[in-house]
Amino acid sequence: VFEKEAELAAHQTGHNSGVVHAGIYYKPGSLKAELCRRG
């Protein structure tokens, strides 16, 4: 793994709301909906 910063998760991973979405917003049958629920 190549990471440009001196620490891991320094950008988007460390700057989000931390919510684990349950699948409310995604189009039924879409890959995004499937991966959200499985994830």
PDB file of all heavy atoms in Angstrom:
ATOM      1  N   VAL A   1       0.847  -1.188   0.000  1.00  0.00           N
ATOM      2  CA  VAL A   1       0.000   0.000   0.000  1.00  0.00           C
ATOM      3  C   VAL A   1       0.885   1.242   0.000  1.00  0.00           C
ATOM      4  O   VAL A   1       1.834   1.333   0.790  1.00  0.00           O
ATOM      5  CB  VAL A   1      -0.936   0.029   1.230  1.00  0.00           C
ATOM      6  CG1 VAL A   1      -1.783   1.302   1.241  1.00  0.00           C
ATOM      7  CG2 VAL A   1      -1.827  -1.211   1.259  1.00  0.00           C
ATOM      8  N   PHE A   2       0.555   2.201  -0.870  1.00  0.00           N
ATOM      9  CA  PHE A   2       1.270   3.471  -0.938  1.00  0.00           C
ATOM     10  C   PHE A   2       0.341   4.577  -0.447  1.00  0.00           C
ATOM     11  O   PHE A   2      -0.714   4.811  -1.025  1.00  0.00           O
ATOM     12  CB  PHE A   2       1.708   3.783  -2.373  1.00  0.00           C
ATOM     13  CG  PHE A   2       2.552   2.716  -2.998  1.00  0.00           C
ATOM     14  CD1 PHE A   2       1.971   1.708  -3.764  1.00  0.00           C
ATOM     15  CD2 PHE A   2       3.933   2.713  -2.833  1.00  0.00           C
ATOM     16  CE1 PHE A   2       2.739   0.723  -4.355  1.00  0.00           C
ATOM     17  CE2 PHE A   2       4.713   1.723  -3.415  1.00  0.00           C
ATOM     18  CZ  PHE A   2       4.123   0.719  -4.181  1.00  0.00           C
ATOM     19  N   GLU A   3       0.725   5.268   0.628  1.00  0.00           N
ATOM     20  CA  GLU A   3      -0.068   6.365   1.178  1.00  0.00           C
ATOM     21  C   GLU A   3       0.794   7.629   1.216  1.00  0.00           C
ATOM     22  O   GLU A   3       1.894   7.610   1.776  1.00  0.00           O
ATOM     23  CB  GLU A   3      -0.562   6.016   2.579  1.00  0.00           C
ATOM     24  CG  GLU A   3      -1.118   7.177   3.386  1.00  0.00           C
ATOM     25  CD  GLU A   3      -2.198   7.968   2.663  1.00  0.00           C
ATOM     26  OE1 GLU A   3      -3.099   7.327   2.061  1.00  0.00           O
ATOM     27  OE2 GLU A   3      -2.141   9.206   2.688  1.00  0.00           O
ATOM     28  N   LYS A   4       0.289   8.709   0.642  1.00  0.00           N
ATOM     29  CA  LYS A   4       1.120   9.908   0.525  1.00  0.00           C
ATOM     30  C   LYS A   4       1.296  10.659   1.838  1.00  0.00           C
ATOM     31  O   LYS A   4       2.272  11.391   2.010  1.00  0.00           O
ATOM     32  CB  LYS A   4       0.569  10.845  -0.547  1.00  0.00           C
ATOM     33  CG  LYS A   4      -0.695  11.597  -0.202  1.00  0.00           C
ATOM     34  CD  LYS A   4      -1.145  12.402  -1.418  1.00  0.00           C
ATOM     35  CE  LYS A   4      -2.368  13.246  -1.125  1.00  0.00           C
ATOM     36  NZ  LYS A   4      -2.076  14.375  -0.260  1.00  0.00           N
ATOM     37  N   GLU A   5       0.345  10.484   2.781  1.00  0.00           N
ATOM     38  CA  GLU A   5       0.448  11.195   4.055  1.00  0.00           C
ATOM     39  C   GLU A   5       1.272  10.402   5.065  1.00  0.00           C
ATOM     40  O   GLU A   5       1.545   9.216   4.874  1.00  0.00           O
ATOM     41  CB  GLU A   5      -0.942  11.479   4.619  1.00  0.00           C
ATOM     42  CG  GLU A   5      -1.852  12.258   3.683  1.00  0.00           C
ATOM     43  CD  GLU A   5      -1.370  13.667   3.394  1.00  0.00           C
ATOM     44  OE1 GLU A   5      -0.399  14.120   4.042  1.00  0.00           O
ATOM     45  OE2 GLU A   5      -1.953  14.325   2.512  1.00  0.00           O
ATOM     46  N   ALA A   6       1.622  11.065   6.168  1.00  0.00           N
ATOM     47  CA  ALA A   6       2.410  10.415   7.217  1.00  0.00           C
ATOM     48  C   ALA A   6       1.545   9.555   8.127  1.00  0.00           C
ATOM     49  O   ALA A   6       2.076   8.867   9.012  1.00  0.00           O
ATOM     50  CB  ALA A   6       3.152  11.464   8.043  1.00  0.00           C
ATOM     51  N   GLU A   7       0.223   9.605   7.946  1.00  0.00           N
ATOM     52  CA  GLU A   7      -0.689   8.776   8.728  1.00  0.00           C
ATOM     53  C   GLU A   7      -1.801   8.262   7.827  1.00  0.00           C
ATOM     54  O   GLU A   7      -2.050   8.812   6.747  1.00  0.00           O
ATOM     55  CB  GLU A   7      -1.287   9.583   9.884  1.00  0.00           C
ATOM     56  CG  GLU A   7      -2.081  10.795   9.430  1.00  0.00           C
ATOM     57  CD  GLU A   7      -2.669  11.561  10.594  1.00  0.00           C
ATOM     58  OE1 GLU A   7      -2.760  10.999  11.696  1.00  0.00           O
ATOM     59  OE2 GLU A   7      -3.037  12.727  10.397  1.00  0.00           O
ATOM     60  N   LEU A   8      -2.468   7.206   8.281  1.00  0.00           N
ATOM     61  CA  LEU A   8      -3.567   6.627   7.530  1.00  0.00           C
ATOM     62  C   LEU A   8      -4.857   7.410   7.771  1.00  0.00           C
ATOM     63  O   LEU A   8      -5.001   8.114   8.765  1.00  0.00           O
ATOM     64  CB  LEU A   8      -3.762   5.167   7.947  1.00  0.00           C
ATOM     65  CG  LEU A   8      -2.574   4.233   7.702  1.00  0.00           C
ATOM     66  CD1 LEU A   8      -2.820   2.887   8.374  1.00  0.00           C
ATOM     67  CD2 LEU A   8      -2.313   4.050   6.205  1.00  0.00           C
ATOM     68  N   ALA A   9      -5.795   7.266   6.833  1.00  0.00           N
ATOM     69  CA  ALA A   9      -7.147   7.835   6.983  1.00  0.00           C
ATOM     70  C   ALA A   9      -7.120   9.339   7.225  1.00  0.00           C
ATOM     71  O   ALA A   9      -7.913   9.874   7.990  1.00  0.00           O
ATOM     72  CB  ALA A   9      -7.897   7.123   8.122  1.00  0.00           C
ATOM     73  N   ALA A  10      -6.204  10.040   6.564  1.00  0.00           N
ATOM     74  CA  ALA A  10      -5.994  11.462   6.847  1.00  0.00           C
ATOM     75  C   ALA A  10      -6.979  12.374   6.124  1.00  0.00           C
ATOM     76  O   ALA A  10      -7.101  13.546   6.496  1.00  0.00           O
ATOM     77  CB  ALA A  10      -4.568  11.863   6.465  1.00  0.00           C
ATOM     78  N   HIS A  11      -7.684  11.851   5.126  1.00  0.00           N
ATOM     79  CA  HIS A  11      -8.530  12.742   4.329  1.00  0.00           C
ATOM     80  C   HIS A  11     -10.003  12.362   4.456  1.00  0.00           C
ATOM     81  O   HIS A  11     -10.587  12.514   5.522  1.00  0.00           O
ATOM     82  CB  HIS A  11      -8.024  12.776   2.886  1.00  0.00           C
ATOM     83  CG  HIS A  11      -6.704  13.479   2.777  1.00  0.00           C
ATOM     84  ND1 HIS A  11      -6.555  14.822   3.027  1.00  0.00           N
ATOM     85  CD2 HIS A  11      -5.465  13.016   2.483  1.00  0.00           C
ATOM     86  CE1 HIS A  11      -5.286  15.171   2.884  1.00  0.00           C
ATOM     87  NE2 HIS A  11      -4.602  14.081   2.568  1.00  0.00           N
ATOM     88  N   GLN A  12     -10.634  11.868   3.404  1.00  0.00           N
ATOM     89  CA  GLN A  12     -12.079  11.652   3.470  1.00  0.00           C
ATOM     90  C   GLN A  12     -12.481  10.702   4.591  1.00  0.00           C
ATOM     91  O   GLN A  12     -13.509  10.899   5.245  1.00  0.00           O
ATOM     92  CB  GLN A  12     -12.588  11.127   2.115  1.00  0.00           C
ATOM     93  CG  GLN A  12     -12.485  12.156   1.000  1.00  0.00           C
ATOM     94  CD  GLN A  12     -13.066  11.634  -0.286  1.00  0.00           C
ATOM     95  OE1 GLN A  12     -14.269  11.655  -0.494  1.00  0.00           O
ATOM     96  NE2 GLN A  12     -12.191  11.160  -1.164  1.00  0.00           N
ATOM     97  N   THR A  13     -11.677   9.674   4.820  1.00  0.00           N
ATOM     98  CA  THR A  13     -12.018   8.705   5.859  1.00  0.00           C
ATOM     99  C   THR A  13     -12.089   9.349   7.238  1.00  0.00           C
ATOM    100  O   THR A  13     -12.940   8.998   8.062  1.00  0.00           O
ATOM    101  CB  THR A  13     -10.992   7.561   5.877  1.00  0.00           C
ATOM    102  OG1 THR A  13     -10.947   6.959   4.578  1.00  0.00           O
ATOM    103  CG2 THR A  13     -11.364   6.510   6.913  1.00  0.00           C
ATOM    104  N   GLY A  14     -11.215  10.302   7.484  1.00  0.00           N
ATOM    105  CA  GLY A  14     -11.185  10.957   8.781  1.00  0.00           C
ATOM    106  C   GLY A  14     -11.962  12.250   8.844  1.00  0.00           C
ATOM    107  O   GLY A  14     -11.917  12.947   9.863  1.00  0.00           O
ATOM    108  N   HIS A  15     -12.689  12.581   7.773  1.00  0.00           N
ATOM    109  CA  HIS A  15     -13.427  13.841   7.724  1.00  0.00           C
ATOM    110  C   HIS A  15     -14.872  13.617   7.271  1.00  0.00           C
ATOM    111  O   HIS A  15     -15.408  14.371   6.458  1.00  0.00           O
ATOM    112  CB  HIS A  15     -12.740  14.831   6.780  1.00  0.00           C
ATOM    113  CG  HIS A  15     -11.446  15.364   7.293  1.00  0.00           C
ATOM    114  ND1 HIS A  15     -10.252  14.698   7.131  1.00  0.00           N
ATOM    115  CD2 HIS A  15     -11.145  16.485   7.993  1.00  0.00           C
ATOM    116  CE1 HIS A  15      -9.269  15.397   7.685  1.00  0.00           C
ATOM    117  NE2 HIS A  15      -9.783  16.485   8.222  1.00  0.00           N
ATOM    118  N   ASN A  16     -15.504  12.601   7.783  1.00  0.00           N
ATOM    119  CA  ASN A  16     -16.911  12.365   7.453  1.00  0.00           C
ATOM    120  C   ASN A  16     -17.722  12.232   8.729  1.00  0.00           C
ATOM    121  O   ASN A  16     -17.180  12.253   9.833  1.00  0.00           O
ATOM    122  CB  ASN A  16     -17.070  11.124   6.556  1.00  0.00           C
ATOM    123  CG  ASN A  16     -16.583   9.861   7.243  1.00  0.00           C
ATOM    124  OD1 ASN A  16     -17.209   9.371   8.172  1.00  0.00           O
ATOM    125  ND2 ASN A  16     -15.465   9.331   6.781  1.00  0.00           N
ATOM    126  N   SER A  17     -19.020  12.073   8.582  1.00  0.00           N
ATOM    127  CA  SER A  17     -19.911  12.109   9.745  1.00  0.00           C
ATOM    128  C   SER A  17     -19.904  10.823  10.557  1.00  0.00           C
ATOM    129  O   SER A  17     -20.428  10.800  11.676  1.00  0.00           O
ATOM    130  CB  SER A  17     -21.346  12.401   9.294  1.00  0.00           C
ATOM    131  OG  SER A  17     -21.831  11.343   8.485  1.00  0.00           O
ATOM    132  N   GLY A  18     -19.352   9.752  10.026  1.00  0.00           N
ATOM    133  CA  GLY A  18     -19.309   8.490  10.763  1.00  0.00           C
ATOM    134  C   GLY A  18     -20.614   7.713  10.753  1.00  0.00           C
ATOM    135  O   GLY A  18     -20.758   6.737  11.497  1.00  0.00           O
ATOM    136  N   VAL A  19     -21.563   8.110   9.912  1.00  0.00           N
ATOM    137  CA  VAL A  19     -22.859   7.427   9.876  1.00  0.00           C
ATOM    138  C   VAL A  19     -22.748   6.132   9.071  1.00  0.00           C
ATOM    139  O   VAL A  19     -22.148   6.099   7.998  1.00  0.00           O
ATOM    140  CB  VAL A  19     -23.942   8.343   9.270  1.00  0.00           C
ATOM    141  CG1 VAL A  19     -25.270   7.587   9.125  1.00  0.00           C
ATOM    142  CG2 VAL A  19     -24.131   9.583  10.139  1.00  0.00           C
ATOM    143  N   VAL A  20     -23.355   5.067   9.583  1.00  0.00           N
ATOM    144  CA  VAL A  20     -23.464   3.793   8.867  1.00  0.00           C
ATOM    145  C   VAL A  20     -24.882   3.744   8.304  1.00  0.00           C
ATOM    146  O   VAL A  20     -25.833   3.413   9.010  1.00  0.00           O
ATOM    147  CB  VAL A  20     -23.207   2.600   9.806  1.00  0.00           C
ATOM    148  CG1 VAL A  20     -23.221   1.296   9.000  1.00  0.00           C
ATOM    149  CG2 VAL A  20     -21.892   2.773  10.551  1.00  0.00           C
ATOM    150  N   HIS A  21     -25.022   4.113   7.045  1.00  0.00           N
ATOM    151  CA  HIS A  21     -26.352   4.215   6.442  1.00  0.00           C
ATOM    152  C   HIS A  21     -26.984   2.834   6.266  1.00  0.00           C
ATOM    153  O   HIS A  21     -26.313   1.861   5.921  1.00  0.00           O
ATOM    154  CB  HIS A  21     -26.270   4.942   5.110  1.00  0.00           C
ATOM    155  CG  HIS A  21     -25.998   6.413   5.269  1.00  0.00           C
ATOM    156  ND1 HIS A  21     -26.963   7.299   5.672  1.00  0.00           N
ATOM    157  CD2 HIS A  21     -24.857   7.132   5.111  1.00  0.00           C
ATOM    158  CE1 HIS A  21     -26.439   8.512   5.733  1.00  0.00           C
ATOM    159  NE2 HIS A  21     -25.159   8.439   5.403  1.00  0.00           N
ATOM    160  N   ALA A  22     -28.287   2.786   6.480  1.00  0.00           N
ATOM    161  CA  ALA A  22     -28.998   1.500   6.474  1.00  0.00           C
ATOM    162  C   ALA A  22     -29.571   1.120   5.117  1.00  0.00           C
ATOM    163  O   ALA A  22     -30.050   0.006   4.944  1.00  0.00           O
ATOM    164  CB  ALA A  22     -30.132   1.537   7.502  1.00  0.00           C
ATOM    165  N   GLY A  23     -29.545   2.050   4.139  1.00  0.00           N
ATOM    166  CA  GLY A  23     -30.053   1.732   2.807  1.00  0.00           C
ATOM    167  C   GLY A  23     -31.331   2.452   2.429  1.00  0.00           C
ATOM    168  O   GLY A  23     -32.041   2.028   1.518  1.00  0.00           O
ATOM    169  N   ILE A  24     -31.648   3.550   3.089  1.00  0.00           N
ATOM    170  CA  ILE A  24     -32.896   4.270   2.834  1.00  0.00           C
ATOM    171  C   ILE A  24     -32.897   4.945   1.468  1.00  0.00           C
ATOM    172  O   ILE A  24     -33.911   4.964   0.765  1.00  0.00           O
ATOM    173  CB  ILE A  24     -33.130   5.321   3.932  1.00  0.00           C
ATOM    174  CG1 ILE A  24     -33.404   4.635   5.275  1.00  0.00           C
ATOM    175  CG2 ILE A  24     -34.282   6.266   3.586  1.00  0.00           C
ATOM    176  CD1 ILE A  24     -33.493   5.601   6.450  1.00  0.00           C
ATOM    177  N   TYR A  25     -31.761   5.489   1.051  1.00  0.00           N
ATOM    178  CA  TYR A  25     -31.755   6.447  -0.051  1.00  0.00           C
ATOM    179  C   TYR A  25     -31.500   5.839  -1.423  1.00  0.00           C
ATOM    180  O   TYR A  25     -31.670   6.533  -2.425  1.00  0.00           O
ATOM    181  CB  TYR A  25     -30.675   7.507   0.205  1.00  0.00           C
ATOM    182  CG  TYR A  25     -30.852   8.231   1.510  1.00  0.00           C
ATOM    183  CD1 TYR A  25     -30.106   7.879   2.630  1.00  0.00           C
ATOM    184  CD2 TYR A  25     -31.765   9.271   1.645  1.00  0.00           C
ATOM    185  CE1 TYR A  25     -30.253   8.542   3.839  1.00  0.00           C
ATOM    186  CE2 TYR A  25     -31.929   9.938   2.846  1.00  0.00           C
ATOM    187  CZ  TYR A  25     -31.171   9.570   3.936  1.00  0.00           C
ATOM    188  OH  TYR A  25     -31.329  10.233   5.131  1.00  0.00           O
ATOM    189  N   TYR A  26     -31.108   4.600  -1.506  1.00  0.00           N
ATOM    190  CA  TYR A  26     -30.568   4.085  -2.757  1.00  0.00           C
ATOM    191  C   TYR A  26     -31.630   3.372  -3.585  1.00  0.00           C
ATOM    192  O   TYR A  26     -32.542   2.739  -3.058  1.00  0.00           O
ATOM    193  CB  TYR A  26     -29.377   3.157  -2.476  1.00  0.00           C
ATOM    194  CG  TYR A  26     -28.397   3.791  -1.528  1.00  0.00           C
ATOM    195  CD1 TYR A  26     -28.004   3.152  -0.360  1.00  0.00           C
ATOM    196  CD2 TYR A  26     -27.905   5.066  -1.784  1.00  0.00           C
ATOM    197  CE1 TYR A  26     -27.124   3.760   0.518  1.00  0.00           C
ATOM    198  CE2 TYR A  26     -27.024   5.679  -0.913  1.00  0.00           C
ATOM    199  CZ  TYR A  26     -26.643   5.025   0.237  1.00  0.00           C
ATOM    200  OH  TYR A  26     -25.780   5.631   1.112  1.00  0.00           O
ATOM    201  N   LYS A  27     -31.485   3.461  -4.893  1.00  0.00           N
ATOM    202  CA  LYS A  27     -32.452   2.880  -5.818  1.00  0.00           C
ATOM    203  C   LYS A  27     -32.546   1.371  -5.615  1.00  0.00           C
ATOM    204  O   LYS A  27     -31.537   0.662  -5.680  1.00  0.00           O
ATOM    205  CB  LYS A  27     -32.047   3.182  -7.258  1.00  0.00           C
ATOM    206  CG  LYS A  27     -33.012   2.642  -8.299  1.00  0.00           C
ATOM    207  CD  LYS A  27     -32.536   2.975  -9.699  1.00  0.00           C
ATOM    208  CE  LYS A  27     -33.484   2.389 -10.744  1.00  0.00           C
ATOM    209  NZ  LYS A  27     -33.009   2.690 -12.121  1.00  0.00           N
ATOM    210  N   PRO A  28     -33.752   0.850  -5.357  1.00  0.00           N
ATOM    211  CA  PRO A  28     -33.889  -0.592  -5.144  1.00  0.00           C
ATOM    212  C   PRO A  28     -33.376  -1.392  -6.345  1.00  0.00           C
ATOM    213  O   PRO A  28     -33.606  -1.027  -7.499  1.00  0.00           O
ATOM    214  CB  PRO A  28     -35.404  -0.774  -4.969  1.00  0.00           C
ATOM    215  CG  PRO A  28     -35.882   0.539  -4.443  1.00  0.00           C
ATOM    216  CD  PRO A  28     -35.025   1.571  -5.135  1.00  0.00           C
ATOM    217  N   GLY A  29     -32.656  -2.448  -6.040  1.00  0.00           N
ATOM    218  CA  GLY A  29     -32.097  -3.285  -7.090  1.00  0.00           C
ATOM    219  C   GLY A  29     -30.756  -2.823  -7.608  1.00  0.00           C
ATOM    220  O   GLY A  29     -30.102  -3.538  -8.370  1.00  0.00           O
ATOM    221  N   SER A  30     -30.324  -1.623  -7.209  1.00  0.00           N
ATOM    222  CA  SER A  30     -29.039  -1.114  -7.676  1.00  0.00           C
ATOM    223  C   SER A  30     -27.898  -1.759  -6.901  1.00  0.00           C
ATOM    224  O   SER A  30     -28.079  -2.268  -5.796  1.00  0.00           O
ATOM    225  CB  SER A  30     -28.980   0.406  -7.514  1.00  0.00           C
ATOM    226  OG  SER A  30     -28.988   0.752  -6.135  1.00  0.00           O
ATOM    227  N   LEU A  31     -26.722  -1.718  -7.496  1.00  0.00           N
ATOM    228  CA  LEU A  31     -25.543  -2.265  -6.821  1.00  0.00           C
ATOM    229  C   LEU A  31     -25.258  -1.484  -5.542  1.00  0.00           C
ATOM    230  O   LEU A  31     -24.850  -2.057  -4.531  1.00  0.00           O
ATOM    231  CB  LEU A  31     -24.339  -2.217  -7.756  1.00  0.00           C
ATOM    232  CG  LEU A  31     -23.033  -2.809  -7.211  1.00  0.00           C
ATOM    233  CD1 LEU A  31     -23.196  -4.283  -6.869  1.00  0.00           C
ATOM    234  CD2 LEU A  31     -21.900  -2.611  -8.220  1.00  0.00           C
ATOM    235  N   LYS A  32     -25.500  -0.178  -5.568  1.00  0.00           N
ATOM    236  CA  LYS A  32     -25.247   0.641  -4.391  1.00  0.00           C
ATOM    237  C   LYS A  32     -26.137   0.199  -3.230  1.00  0.00           C
ATOM    238  O   LYS A  32     -25.676   0.101  -2.086  1.00  0.00           O
ATOM    239  CB  LYS A  32     -25.489   2.111  -4.715  1.00  0.00           C
ATOM    240  CG  LYS A  32     -24.924   3.068  -3.673  1.00  0.00           C
ATOM    241  CD  LYS A  32     -24.931   4.496  -4.189  1.00  0.00           C
ATOM    242  CE  LYS A  32     -24.202   5.417  -3.227  1.00  0.00           C
ATOM    243  NZ  LYS A  32     -24.144   6.808  -3.738  1.00  0.00           N
ATOM    244  N   ALA A  33     -27.413  -0.071  -3.518  1.00  0.00           N
ATOM    245  CA  ALA A  33     -28.319  -0.534  -2.473  1.00  0.00           C
ATOM    246  C   ALA A  33     -27.880  -1.894  -1.934  1.00  0.00           C
ATOM    247  O   ALA A  33     -27.868  -2.128  -0.716  1.00  0.00           O
ATOM    248  CB  ALA A  33     -29.746  -0.616  -3.015  1.00  0.00           C
ATOM    249  N   GLU A  34     -27.505  -2.778  -2.841  1.00  0.00           N
ATOM    250  CA  GLU A  34     -27.080  -4.121  -2.429  1.00  0.00           C
ATOM    251  C   GLU A  34     -25.824  -4.056  -1.558  1.00  0.00           C
ATOM    252  O   GLU A  34     -25.745  -4.704  -0.499  1.00  0.00           O
ATOM    253  CB  GLU A  34     -26.804  -4.972  -3.668  1.00  0.00           C
ATOM    254  CG  GLU A  34     -26.289  -6.365  -3.367  1.00  0.00           C
ATOM    255  CD  GLU A  34     -25.876  -7.123  -4.614  1.00  0.00           C
ATOM    256  OE1 GLU A  34     -26.292  -6.733  -5.725  1.00  0.00           O
ATOM    257  OE2 GLU A  34     -25.121  -8.101  -4.476  1.00  0.00           O
ATOM    258  N   LEU A  35     -24.845  -3.258  -1.990  1.00  0.00           N
ATOM    259  CA  LEU A  35     -23.601  -3.179  -1.237  1.00  0.00           C
ATOM    260  C   LEU A  35     -23.788  -2.471   0.100  1.00  0.00           C
ATOM    261  O   LEU A  35     -23.118  -2.803   1.084  1.00  0.00           O
ATOM    262  CB  LEU A  35     -22.540  -2.453  -2.068  1.00  0.00           C
ATOM    263  CG  LEU A  35     -22.070  -3.180  -3.328  1.00  0.00           C
ATOM    264  CD1 LEU A  35     -21.023  -2.360  -4.051  1.00  0.00           C
ATOM    265  CD2 LEU A  35     -21.537  -4.564  -3.005  1.00  0.00           C
ATOM    266  N   CYS A  36     -24.707  -1.497   0.142  1.00  0.00           N
ATOM    267  CA  CYS A  36     -24.978  -0.818   1.406  1.00  0.00           C
ATOM    268  C   CYS A  36     -25.521  -1.810   2.437  1.00  0.00           C
ATOM    269  O   CYS A  36     -25.018  -1.881   3.557  1.00  0.00           O
ATOM    270  CB  CYS A  36     -25.967   0.321   1.196  1.00  0.00           C
ATOM    271  SG  CYS A  36     -26.433   1.170   2.719  1.00  0.00           S
ATOM    272  N   ARG A  37     -26.536  -2.568   2.064  1.00  0.00           N
ATOM    273  CA  ARG A  37     -27.128  -3.499   3.010  1.00  0.00           C
ATOM    274  C   ARG A  37     -26.129  -4.587   3.414  1.00  0.00           C
ATOM    275  O   ARG A  37     -26.018  -4.933   4.592  1.00  0.00           O
ATOM    276  CB  ARG A  37     -28.380  -4.154   2.382  1.00  0.00           C
ATOM    277  CG  ARG A  37     -29.563  -3.227   2.243  1.00  0.00           C
ATOM    278  CD  ARG A  37     -30.072  -2.690   3.587  1.00  0.00           C
ATOM    279  NE  ARG A  37     -30.228  -3.734   4.567  1.00  0.00           N
ATOM    280  CZ  ARG A  37     -29.829  -3.630   5.820  1.00  0.00           C
ATOM    281  NH1 ARG A  37     -29.240  -2.526   6.257  1.00  0.00           N
ATOM    282  NH2 ARG A  37     -30.023  -4.622   6.669  1.00  0.00           N
ATOM    283  N   ARG A  38     -25.375  -5.111   2.458  1.00  0.00           N
ATOM    284  CA  ARG A  38     -24.389  -6.135   2.796  1.00  0.00           C
ATOM    285  C   ARG A  38     -23.261  -5.538   3.625  1.00  0.00           C
ATOM    286  O   ARG A  38     -22.759  -6.159   4.571  1.00  0.00           O
ATOM    287  CB  ARG A  38     -23.831  -6.755   1.503  1.00  0.00           C
ATOM    288  CG  ARG A  38     -22.820  -7.881   1.745  1.00  0.00           C
ATOM    289  CD  ARG A  38     -22.597  -8.699   0.501  1.00  0.00           C
ATOM    290  NE  ARG A  38     -21.610  -9.735   0.740  1.00  0.00           N
ATOM    291  CZ  ARG A  38     -20.334  -9.664   0.347  1.00  0.00           C
ATOM    292  NH1 ARG A  38     -19.907  -8.598  -0.309  1.00  0.00           N
ATOM    293  NH2 ARG A  38     -19.494 -10.643   0.588  1.00  0.00           N
ATOM    294  N   GLY A  39     -22.877  -4.304   3.287  1.00  0.00           N
ATOM    295  CA  GLY A  39     -21.786  -3.660   4.003  1.00  0.00           C
ATOM    296  C   GLY A  39     -22.110  -3.372   5.453  1.00  0.00           C
ATOM    297  O   GLY A  39     -21.230  -3.444   6.317  1.00  0.00           O
TER     298      GLY A  39
END
